[in-house]
PDB file of N, CA and C in Angstrom:
ATOM      1  N   UNK A   1     107.925  97.525 116.377  1.00  0.00           N
ATOM      2  CA  UNK A   1     109.262  97.081 116.747  1.00  0.00           C
ATOM      3  C   UNK A   1     110.067  96.712 115.494  1.00  0.00           C
ATOM      4  N   UNK A   2     109.411  96.116 114.512  1.00  0.00           N
ATOM      5  CA  UNK A   2     110.108  95.711 113.288  1.00  0.00           C
ATOM      6  C   UNK A   2     110.759  96.915 112.624  1.00  0.00           C
ATOM      7  N   UNK A   3     110.014  98.011 112.488  1.00  0.00           N
ATOM      8  CA  UNK A   3     110.543  99.188 111.804  1.00  0.00           C
ATOM      9  C   UNK A   3     111.542  99.962 112.656  1.00  0.00           C
ATOM     10  N   UNK A   4     111.529  99.753 113.948  1.00  0.00           N
ATOM     11  CA  UNK A   4     112.559 100.345 114.798  1.00  0.00           C
ATOM     12  C   UNK A   4     113.861  99.569 114.633  1.00  0.00           C
ATOM     13  N   UNK A   5     113.742  98.256 114.593  1.00  0.00           N
ATOM     14  CA  UNK A   5     114.923  97.394 114.455  1.00  0.00           C
ATOM     15  C   UNK A   5     115.530  97.496 113.053  1.00  0.00           C
ATOM     16  N   UNK A   6     114.676  97.637 112.031  1.00  0.00           N
ATOM     17  CA  UNK A   6     115.127  97.707 110.642  1.00  0.00           C
ATOM     18  C   UNK A   6     114.788  99.086 110.091  1.00  0.00           C
ATOM     19  N   UNK A   7     115.735  99.993 110.156  1.00  0.00           N
ATOM     20  CA  UNK A   7     115.500 101.375 109.730  1.00  0.00           C
ATOM     21  C   UNK A   7     115.539 101.526 108.214  1.00  0.00           C
ATOM     22  N   UNK A   8     114.960 102.612 107.736  1.00  0.00           N
ATOM     23  CA  UNK A   8     114.967 102.947 106.310  1.00  0.00           C
ATOM     24  C   UNK A   8     116.393 103.278 105.879  1.00  0.00           C
ATOM     25  N   UNK A   9     116.737 103.042 104.633  1.00  0.00           N
ATOM     26  CA  UNK A   9     115.908 102.515 103.553  1.00  0.00           C
ATOM     27  C   UNK A   9     115.670 101.019 103.736  1.00  0.00           C
ATOM     28  N   UNK A  10     114.462 100.586 103.362  1.00  0.00           N
ATOM     29  CA  UNK A  10     114.057  99.212 103.617  1.00  0.00           C
ATOM     30  C   UNK A  10     113.102  98.726 102.533  1.00  0.00           C
ATOM     31  N   UNK A  11     113.292  97.484 102.104  1.00  0.00           N
ATOM     32  CA  UNK A  11     112.374  96.838 101.163  1.00  0.00           C
ATOM     33  C   UNK A  11     111.581  95.813 101.957  1.00  0.00           C
ATOM     34  N   UNK A  12     110.262  95.888 101.858  1.00  0.00           N
ATOM     35  CA  UNK A  12     109.391  94.936 102.557  1.00  0.00           C
ATOM     36  C   UNK A  12     108.555  94.224 101.505  1.00  0.00           C
ATOM     37  N   UNK A  13     108.726  92.908 101.423  1.00  0.00           N
ATOM     38  CA  UNK A  13     107.997  92.106 100.438  1.00  0.00           C
ATOM     39  C   UNK A  13     106.736  91.535 101.071  1.00  0.00           C
ATOM     40  N   UNK A  14     105.723  91.317 100.249  1.00  0.00           N
ATOM     41  CA  UNK A  14     104.427  90.759 100.671  1.00  0.00           C
ATOM     42  C   UNK A  14     103.820  91.569 101.821  1.00  0.00           C
ATOM     43  N   UNK A  15     103.844  92.864 101.651  1.00  0.00           N
ATOM     44  CA  UNK A  15     103.362  93.803 102.672  1.00  0.00           C
ATOM     45  C   UNK A  15     101.897  93.579 103.026  1.00  0.00           C
ATOM     46  N   UNK A  16     101.119  92.978 102.123  1.00  0.00           N
ATOM     47  CA  UNK A  16      99.698  92.770 102.403  1.00  0.00           C
ATOM     48  C   UNK A  16      99.474  91.848 103.596  1.00  0.00           C
ATOM     49  N   UNK A  17     100.496  91.082 103.978  1.00  0.00           N
ATOM     50  CA  UNK A  17     100.345  90.190 105.132  1.00  0.00           C
ATOM     51  C   UNK A  17     100.612  90.900 106.459  1.00  0.00           C
ATOM     52  N   UNK A  18     101.043  92.145 106.392  1.00  0.00           N
ATOM     53  CA  UNK A  18     101.280  92.933 107.605  1.00  0.00           C
ATOM     54  C   UNK A  18     100.675  94.321 107.416  1.00  0.00           C
ATOM     55  N   UNK A  19      99.349  94.397 107.289  1.00  0.00           N
ATOM     56  CA  UNK A  19      98.697  95.673 106.971  1.00  0.00           C
ATOM     57  C   UNK A  19      98.927  96.770 108.006  1.00  0.00           C
ATOM     58  N   UNK A  20      99.242  96.410 109.234  1.00  0.00           N
ATOM     59  CA  UNK A  20      99.505  97.422 110.266  1.00  0.00           C
ATOM     60  C   UNK A  20     100.725  98.264 109.905  1.00  0.00           C
ATOM     61  N   UNK A  21     101.612  97.718 109.088  1.00  0.00           N
ATOM     62  CA  UNK A  21     102.815  98.464 108.712  1.00  0.00           C
ATOM     63  C   UNK A  21     102.494  99.705 107.888  1.00  0.00           C
ATOM     64  N   UNK A  22     101.399  99.695 107.127  1.00  0.00           N
ATOM     65  CA  UNK A  22     101.022 100.875 106.346  1.00  0.00           C
ATOM     66  C   UNK A  22     100.849 102.083 107.258  1.00  0.00           C
ATOM     67  N   UNK A  23     100.143 101.903 108.334  1.00  0.00           N
ATOM     68  CA  UNK A  23      99.867 102.979 109.283  1.00  0.00           C
ATOM     69  C   UNK A  23     101.157 103.484 109.918  1.00  0.00           C
ATOM     70  N   UNK A  24     102.010 102.561 110.311  1.00  0.00           N
ATOM     71  CA  UNK A  24     103.269 102.916 110.973  1.00  0.00           C
ATOM     72  C   UNK A  24     104.206 103.606 109.985  1.00  0.00           C
ATOM     73  N   UNK A  25     104.292 103.082 108.767  1.00  0.00           N
ATOM     74  CA  UNK A  25     105.147 103.684 107.744  1.00  0.00           C
ATOM     75  C   UNK A  25     104.670 105.099 107.424  1.00  0.00           C
ATOM     76  N   UNK A  26     103.369 105.278 107.326  1.00  0.00           N
ATOM     77  CA  UNK A  26     102.821 106.617 107.074  1.00  0.00           C
ATOM     78  C   UNK A  26     103.265 107.591 108.157  1.00  0.00           C
ATOM     79  N   UNK A  27     103.210 107.164 109.386  1.00  0.00           N
ATOM     80  CA  UNK A  27     103.623 108.010 110.506  1.00  0.00           C
ATOM     81  C   UNK A  27     105.111 108.359 110.431  1.00  0.00           C
ATOM     82  N   UNK A  28     105.937 107.367 110.132  1.00  0.00           N
ATOM     83  CA  UNK A  28     107.385 107.586 110.031  1.00  0.00           C
ATOM     84  C   UNK A  28     107.706 108.529 108.881  1.00  0.00           C
ATOM     85  N   UNK A  29     107.064 108.329 107.738  1.00  0.00           N
ATOM     86  CA  UNK A  29     107.305 109.152 106.554  1.00  0.00           C
ATOM     87  C   UNK A  29     106.880 110.603 106.828  1.00  0.00           C
ATOM     88  N   UNK A  30     105.739 110.791 107.456  1.00  0.00           N
ATOM     89  CA  UNK A  30     105.274 112.140 107.791  1.00  0.00           C
ATOM     90  C   UNK A  30     106.241 112.842 108.748  1.00  0.00           C
ATOM     91  N   UNK A  31     106.732 112.118 109.730  1.00  0.00           N
ATOM     92  CA  UNK A  31     107.678 112.686 110.706  1.00  0.00           C
ATOM     93  C   UNK A  31     108.977 113.088 110.017  1.00  0.00           C
ATOM     94  N   UNK A  32     109.483 112.230 109.131  1.00  0.00           N
ATOM     95  CA  UNK A  32     110.726 112.512 108.407  1.00  0.00           C
ATOM     96  C   UNK A  32     110.565 113.747 107.528  1.00  0.00           C
ATOM     97  N   UNK A  33     109.396 113.886 106.897  1.00  0.00           N
ATOM     98  CA  UNK A  33     109.125 115.042 106.043  1.00  0.00           C
ATOM     99  C   UNK A  33     109.164 116.333 106.865  1.00  0.00           C
ATOM    100  N   UNK A  34     108.588 116.305 108.049  1.00  0.00           N
ATOM    101  CA  UNK A  34     108.597 117.484 108.918  1.00  0.00           C
ATOM    102  C   UNK A  34     110.005 117.825 109.397  1.00  0.00           C
ATOM    103  N   UNK A  35     110.783 116.800 109.724  1.00  0.00           N
ATOM    104  CA  UNK A  35     112.125 117.016 110.264  1.00  0.00           C
ATOM    105  C   UNK A  35     113.129 117.476 109.210  1.00  0.00           C
ATOM    106  N   UNK A  36     113.098 116.858 108.046  1.00  0.00           N
ATOM    107  CA  UNK A  36     114.140 117.107 107.045  1.00  0.00           C
ATOM    108  C   UNK A  36     113.636 117.740 105.761  1.00  0.00           C
ATOM    109  N   UNK A  37     112.337 117.703 105.542  1.00  0.00           N
ATOM    110  CA  UNK A  37     111.781 118.215 104.295  1.00  0.00           C
ATOM    111  C   UNK A  37     111.816 117.188 103.173  1.00  0.00           C
ATOM    112  N   UNK A  38     112.405 116.028 103.443  1.00  0.00           N
ATOM    113  CA  UNK A  38     112.471 114.974 102.424  1.00  0.00           C
ATOM    114  C   UNK A  38     112.075 113.644 103.031  1.00  0.00           C
ATOM    115  N   UNK A  39     111.471 112.806 102.189  1.00  0.00           N
ATOM    116  CA  UNK A  39     111.103 111.471 102.658  1.00  0.00           C
ATOM    117  C   UNK A  39     111.030 110.460 101.516  1.00  0.00           C
ATOM    118  N   UNK A  40     111.552 110.815 100.353  1.00  0.00           N
ATOM    119  CA  UNK A  40     111.473 109.914  99.200  1.00  0.00           C
ATOM    120  C   UNK A  40     112.379 108.701  99.368  1.00  0.00           C
ATOM    121  N   UNK A  41     111.898 107.562  98.925  1.00  0.00           N
ATOM    122  CA  UNK A  41     112.715 106.364  98.876  1.00  0.00           C
ATOM    123  C   UNK A  41     113.000 105.681 100.188  1.00  0.00           C
ATOM    124  N   UNK A  42     112.260 106.010 101.212  1.00  0.00           N
ATOM    125  CA  UNK A  42     112.508 105.375 102.504  1.00  0.00           C
ATOM    126  C   UNK A  42     112.108 103.910 102.495  1.00  0.00           C
ATOM    127  N   UNK A  43     110.996 103.600 101.844  1.00  0.00           N
ATOM    128  CA  UNK A  43     110.471 102.233 101.851  1.00  0.00           C
ATOM    129  C   UNK A  43     110.044 101.822 100.445  1.00  0.00           C
ATOM    130  N   UNK A  44     110.373 100.602 100.103  1.00  0.00           N
ATOM    131  CA  UNK A  44     109.847  99.984  98.891  1.00  0.00           C
ATOM    132  C   UNK A  44     109.000  98.825  99.367  1.00  0.00           C
ATOM    133  N   UNK A  45     107.718  98.891  99.052  1.00  0.00           N
ATOM    134  CA  UNK A  45     106.767  97.878  99.508  1.00  0.00           C
ATOM    135  C   UNK A  45     106.322  97.057  98.308  1.00  0.00           C
ATOM    136  N   UNK A  46     106.450  95.753  98.416  1.00  0.00           N
ATOM    137  CA  UNK A  46     106.042  94.890  97.315  1.00  0.00           C
ATOM    138  C   UNK A  46     105.021  93.881  97.804  1.00  0.00           C
ATOM    139  N   UNK A  47     104.267  93.374  96.861  1.00  0.00           N
ATOM    140  CA  UNK A  47     103.279  92.362  97.202  1.00  0.00           C
ATOM    141  C   UNK A  47     102.683  91.757  95.963  1.00  0.00           C
ATOM    142  N   UNK A  48     102.128  90.604  96.112  1.00  0.00           N
ATOM    143  CA  UNK A  48     101.564  89.893  94.971  1.00  0.00           C
ATOM    144  C   UNK A  48     100.052  90.044  94.875  1.00  0.00           C
ATOM    145  N   UNK A  49      99.434  90.678  95.842  1.00  0.00           N
ATOM    146  CA  UNK A  49      97.981  90.835  95.848  1.00  0.00           C
ATOM    147  C   UNK A  49      97.644  92.321  95.820  1.00  0.00           C
ATOM    148  N   UNK A  50      97.535  92.867  94.609  1.00  0.00           N
ATOM    149  CA  UNK A  50      97.335  94.305  94.432  1.00  0.00           C
ATOM    150  C   UNK A  50      96.105  94.822  95.176  1.00  0.00           C
ATOM    151  N   UNK A  51      95.005  94.103  95.113  1.00  0.00           N
ATOM    152  CA  UNK A  51      93.794  94.576  95.781  1.00  0.00           C
ATOM    153  C   UNK A  51      94.033  94.744  97.273  1.00  0.00           C
ATOM    154  N   UNK A  52      94.661  93.759  97.887  1.00  0.00           N
ATOM    155  CA  UNK A  52      94.945  93.845  99.318  1.00  0.00           C
ATOM    156  C   UNK A  52      95.869  95.009  99.626  1.00  0.00           C
ATOM    157  N   UNK A  53      96.848  95.241  98.759  1.00  0.00           N
ATOM    158  CA  UNK A  53      97.765  96.361  98.969  1.00  0.00           C
ATOM    159  C   UNK A  53      97.025  97.687  98.878  1.00  0.00           C
ATOM    160  N   UNK A  54      96.233  97.854  97.828  1.00  0.00           N
ATOM    161  CA  UNK A  54      95.543  99.121  97.607  1.00  0.00           C
ATOM    162  C   UNK A  54      94.525  99.415  98.692  1.00  0.00           C
ATOM    163  N   UNK A  55      93.931  98.386  99.230  1.00  0.00           N
ATOM    164  CA  UNK A  55      92.948  98.567 100.288  1.00  0.00           C
ATOM    165  C   UNK A  55      93.583  99.254 101.499  1.00  0.00           C
ATOM    166  N   UNK A  56      94.872  99.041 101.675  1.00  0.00           N
ATOM    167  CA  UNK A  56      95.561  99.570 102.850  1.00  0.00           C
ATOM    168  C   UNK A  56      96.299 100.888 102.621  1.00  0.00           C
ATOM    169  N   UNK A  57      96.302 101.382 101.388  1.00  0.00           N
ATOM    170  CA  UNK A  57      96.938 102.667 101.125  1.00  0.00           C
ATOM    171  C   UNK A  57      95.942 103.762 101.497  1.00  0.00           C
ATOM    172  N   UNK A  58      96.284 104.561 102.465  1.00  0.00           N
ATOM    173  CA  UNK A  58      95.357 105.600 102.917  1.00  0.00           C
ATOM    174  C   UNK A  58      95.396 106.799 101.981  1.00  0.00           C
ATOM    175  N   UNK A  59      94.393 107.668 102.111  1.00  0.00           N
ATOM    176  CA  UNK A  59      94.326 108.849 101.258  1.00  0.00           C
ATOM    177  C   UNK A  59      95.551 109.726 101.414  1.00  0.00           C
ATOM    178  N   UNK A  60      96.053 109.854 102.625  1.00  0.00           N
ATOM    179  CA  UNK A  60      97.201 110.736 102.833  1.00  0.00           C
ATOM    180  C   UNK A  60      98.482 110.192 102.211  1.00  0.00           C
ATOM    181  N   UNK A  61      98.552 108.882 102.001  1.00  0.00           N
ATOM    182  CA  UNK A  61      99.735 108.311 101.351  1.00  0.00           C
ATOM    183  C   UNK A  61      99.528 108.184  99.846  1.00  0.00           C
ATOM    184  N   UNK A  62      98.325 108.364  99.379  1.00  0.00           N
ATOM    185  CA  UNK A  62      98.004 108.114  97.974  1.00  0.00           C
ATOM    186  C   UNK A  62      98.873 108.924  97.020  1.00  0.00           C
ATOM    187  N   UNK A  63      99.185 110.163  97.324  1.00  0.00           N
ATOM    188  CA  UNK A  63     100.002 110.987  96.440  1.00  0.00           C
ATOM    189  C   UNK A  63     101.478 110.653  96.536  1.00  0.00           C
ATOM    190  N   UNK A  64     101.867 109.858  97.503  1.00  0.00           N
ATOM    191  CA  UNK A  64     103.275 109.511  97.681  1.00  0.00           C
ATOM    192  C   UNK A  64     103.555 108.060  97.324  1.00  0.00           C
ATOM    193  N   UNK A  65     102.600 107.403  96.728  1.00  0.00           N
ATOM    194  CA  UNK A  65     102.741 105.987  96.402  1.00  0.00           C
ATOM    195  C   UNK A  65     102.730 105.812  94.893  1.00  0.00           C
ATOM    196  N   UNK A  66     103.664 105.032  94.396  1.00  0.00           N
ATOM    197  CA  UNK A  66     103.673 104.656  92.976  1.00  0.00           C
ATOM    198  C   UNK A  66     103.420 103.166  92.893  1.00  0.00           C
ATOM    199  N   UNK A  67     102.607 102.773  91.932  1.00  0.00           N
ATOM    200  CA  UNK A  67     102.303 101.356  91.769  1.00  0.00           C
ATOM    201  C   UNK A  67     102.895 100.901  90.448  1.00  0.00           C
ATOM    202  N   UNK A  68     103.699  99.874  90.516  1.00  0.00           N
ATOM    203  CA  UNK A  68     104.330  99.304  89.346  1.00  0.00           C
ATOM    204  C   UNK A  68     103.859  97.870  89.216  1.00  0.00           C
ATOM    205  N   UNK A  69     103.094  97.604  88.169  1.00  0.00           N
ATOM    206  CA  UNK A  69     102.617  96.240  87.933  1.00  0.00           C
ATOM    207  C   UNK A  69     103.671  95.511  87.116  1.00  0.00           C
ATOM    208  N   UNK A  70     104.113  94.388  87.630  1.00  0.00           N
ATOM    209  CA  UNK A  70     105.172  93.638  86.964  1.00  0.00           C
ATOM    210  C   UNK A  70     104.644  92.317  86.436  1.00  0.00           C
ATOM    211  N   UNK A  71     105.186  91.908  85.313  1.00  0.00           N
ATOM    212  CA  UNK A  71     104.819  90.633  84.713  1.00  0.00           C
ATOM    213  C   UNK A  71     105.484  89.499  85.480  1.00  0.00           C
ATOM    214  N   UNK A  72     104.942  88.303  85.328  1.00  0.00           N
ATOM    215  CA  UNK A  72     105.617  87.153  85.917  1.00  0.00           C
ATOM    216  C   UNK A  72     106.930  86.895  85.175  1.00  0.00           C
ATOM    217  N   UNK A  73     107.590  85.818  85.476  1.00  0.00           N
ATOM    218  CA  UNK A  73     108.868  85.500  84.845  1.00  0.00           C
ATOM    219  C   UNK A  73     108.759  85.463  83.325  1.00  0.00           C
ATOM    220  N   UNK A  74     109.842  85.890  82.656  1.00  0.00           N
ATOM    221  CA  UNK A  74     109.878  85.817  81.196  1.00  0.00           C
ATOM    222  C   UNK A  74     110.199  84.386  80.773  1.00  0.00           C
ATOM    223  N   UNK A  75     110.007  84.100  79.501  1.00  0.00           N
ATOM    224  CA  UNK A  75     110.335  82.773  78.962  1.00  0.00           C
ATOM    225  C   UNK A  75     111.825  82.491  79.170  1.00  0.00           C
ATOM    226  N   UNK A  76     112.668  83.488  78.949  1.00  0.00           N
ATOM    227  CA  UNK A  76     114.112  83.314  79.168  1.00  0.00           C
ATOM    228  C   UNK A  76     114.408  82.930  80.613  1.00  0.00           C
ATOM    229  N   UNK A  77     113.727  83.577  81.548  1.00  0.00           N
ATOM    230  CA  UNK A  77     113.943  83.250  82.959  1.00  0.00           C
ATOM    231  C   UNK A  77     113.460  81.838  83.287  1.00  0.00           C
ATOM    232  N   UNK A  78     112.311  81.472  82.770  1.00  0.00           N
ATOM    233  CA  UNK A  78     111.757  80.148  83.041  1.00  0.00           C
ATOM    234  C   UNK A  78     112.663  79.055  82.485  1.00  0.00           C
ATOM    235  N   UNK A  79     113.178  79.257  81.255  1.00  0.00           N
ATOM    236  CA  UNK A  79     114.020  78.244  80.608  1.00  0.00           C
ATOM    237  C   UNK A  79     115.495  78.392  80.975  1.00  0.00           C
ATOM    238  N   UNK A  80     115.803  79.369  81.833  1.00  0.00           N
ATOM    239  CA  UNK A  80     117.172  79.613  82.297  1.00  0.00           C
ATOM    240  C   UNK A  80     118.130  79.865  81.129  1.00  0.00           C
ATOM    241  N   UNK A  81     117.690  80.673  80.165  1.00  0.00           N
ATOM    242  CA  UNK A  81     118.508  81.041  79.017  1.00  0.00           C
ATOM    243  C   UNK A  81     119.268  82.302  79.368  1.00  0.00           C
ATOM    244  N   UNK A  82     120.571  82.259  79.165  1.00  0.00           N
ATOM    245  CA  UNK A  82     121.390  83.435  79.485  1.00  0.00           C
ATOM    246  C   UNK A  82     121.096  84.541  78.485  1.00  0.00           C
ATOM    247  N   UNK A  83     120.943  85.732  79.012  1.00  0.00           N
ATOM    248  CA  UNK A  83     120.696  86.883  78.162  1.00  0.00           C
ATOM    249  C   UNK A  83     122.010  87.575  77.867  1.00  0.00           C
ATOM    250  N   UNK A  84     122.079  88.198  76.701  1.00  0.00           N
ATOM    251  CA  UNK A  84     123.268  88.954  76.332  1.00  0.00           C
ATOM    252  C   UNK A  84     123.352  90.184  77.226  1.00  0.00           C
ATOM    253  N   UNK A  85     124.511  90.418  77.759  1.00  0.00           N
ATOM    254  CA  UNK A  85     124.699  91.599  78.599  1.00  0.00           C
ATOM    255  C   UNK A  85     124.586  92.856  77.747  1.00  0.00           C
ATOM    256  N   UNK A  86     123.913  93.832  78.263  1.00  0.00           N
ATOM    257  CA  UNK A  86     123.781  95.112  77.567  1.00  0.00           C
ATOM    258  C   UNK A  86     124.941  95.989  78.002  1.00  0.00           C
ATOM    259  N   UNK A  87     125.657  96.507  77.020  1.00  0.00           N
ATOM    260  CA  UNK A  87     126.800  97.363  77.320  1.00  0.00           C
ATOM    261  C   UNK A  87     126.363  98.820  77.235  1.00  0.00           C
ATOM    262  N   UNK A  88     126.779  99.576  78.218  1.00  0.00           N
ATOM    263  CA  UNK A  88     126.509 101.005  78.201  1.00  0.00           C
ATOM    264  C   UNK A  88     127.788 101.789  77.920  1.00  0.00           C
ATOM    265  N   UNK A  89     128.796 101.063  77.442  1.00  0.00           N
ATOM    266  CA  UNK A  89     130.054 101.670  77.060  1.00  0.00           C
ATOM    267  C   UNK A  89     129.864 102.302  75.682  1.00  0.00           C
ATOM    268  N   UNK A  90     130.176 103.589  75.541  1.00  0.00           N
ATOM    269  CA  UNK A  90     129.959 104.301  74.280  1.00  0.00           C
ATOM    270  C   UNK A  90     130.694 103.648  73.116  1.00  0.00           C
ATOM    271  N   UNK A  91     131.907 103.164  73.348  1.00  0.00           N
ATOM    272  CA  UNK A  91     132.683 102.557  72.270  1.00  0.00           C
ATOM    273  C   UNK A  91     132.019 101.281  71.768  1.00  0.00           C
ATOM    274  N   UNK A  92     131.503 100.449  72.694  1.00  0.00           N
ATOM    275  CA  UNK A  92     130.826  99.212  72.290  1.00  0.00           C
ATOM    276  C   UNK A  92     129.566  99.516  71.493  1.00  0.00           C
ATOM    277  N   UNK A  93     128.830 100.502  71.910  1.00  0.00           N
ATOM    278  CA  UNK A  93     127.600 100.890  71.210  1.00  0.00           C
ATOM    279  C   UNK A  93     127.943 101.392  69.816  1.00  0.00           C
ATOM    280  N   UNK A  94     128.996 102.203  69.710  1.00  0.00           N
ATOM    281  CA  UNK A  94     129.421 102.732  68.415  1.00  0.00           C
ATOM    282  C   UNK A  94     129.831 101.598  67.481  1.00  0.00           C
ATOM    283  N   UNK A  95     130.565 100.595  67.988  1.00  0.00           N
ATOM    284  CA  UNK A  95     130.989  99.452  67.181  1.00  0.00           C
ATOM    285  C   UNK A  95     129.777  98.682  66.660  1.00  0.00           C
ATOM    286  N   UNK A  96     128.776  98.488  67.494  1.00  0.00           N
ATOM    287  CA  UNK A  96     127.575  97.784  67.069  1.00  0.00           C
ATOM    288  C   UNK A  96     126.845  98.555  65.980  1.00  0.00           C
ATOM    289  N   UNK A  97     126.793  99.866  66.098  1.00  0.00           N
ATOM    290  CA  UNK A  97     126.129 100.696  65.084  1.00  0.00           C
ATOM    291  C   UNK A  97     126.863 100.608  63.753  1.00  0.00           C
ATOM    292  N   UNK A  98     128.210 100.557  63.798  1.00  0.00           N
ATOM    293  CA  UNK A  98     128.998 100.474  62.581  1.00  0.00           C
ATOM    294  C   UNK A  98     128.740  99.145  61.858  1.00  0.00           C
ATOM    295  N   UNK A  99     128.529  98.068  62.602  1.00  0.00           N
ATOM    296  CA  UNK A  99     128.270  96.759  62.006  1.00  0.00           C
ATOM    297  C   UNK A  99     126.933  96.737  61.273  1.00  0.00           C
ATOM    298  N   UNK A 100     125.989  97.548  61.710  1.00  0.00           N
ATOM    299  CA  UNK A 100     124.665  97.591  61.085  1.00  0.00           C
ATOM    300  C   UNK A 100     124.782  98.342  59.792  1.00  0.00           C
TER     301      UNK A 100
END
C-alpha cells in the first residue's frame, strides 16, 4: 500500500527496517522495464546498516543496484562552519585562475 500511495520517483530512508519493500520494489521495477524498456532512477534506497541492506538485495536486483558508502558528517558540518560556495560560472573560474 505504501508504494501504491507514494509512486516513483521516491527516496526511502532506513530501508532495512522494511525489508518487504525490496521484494515489492523488485516487482515494480521489473514490470516498468517490461512496459517501457526503462526503469532507472525509480527508487533511491538509503540506510545506515549496510549488512542488513545487502542481505535483502536479491540476485535479480544485484546488477541494478549501486552502493555508495558515505562518510559521517564532516568537521565543517559538525562545527557549523559555512563553506565557500563553489561557482560554476566560467567568468568566475577564469578570474580565480588569473589571480593564481
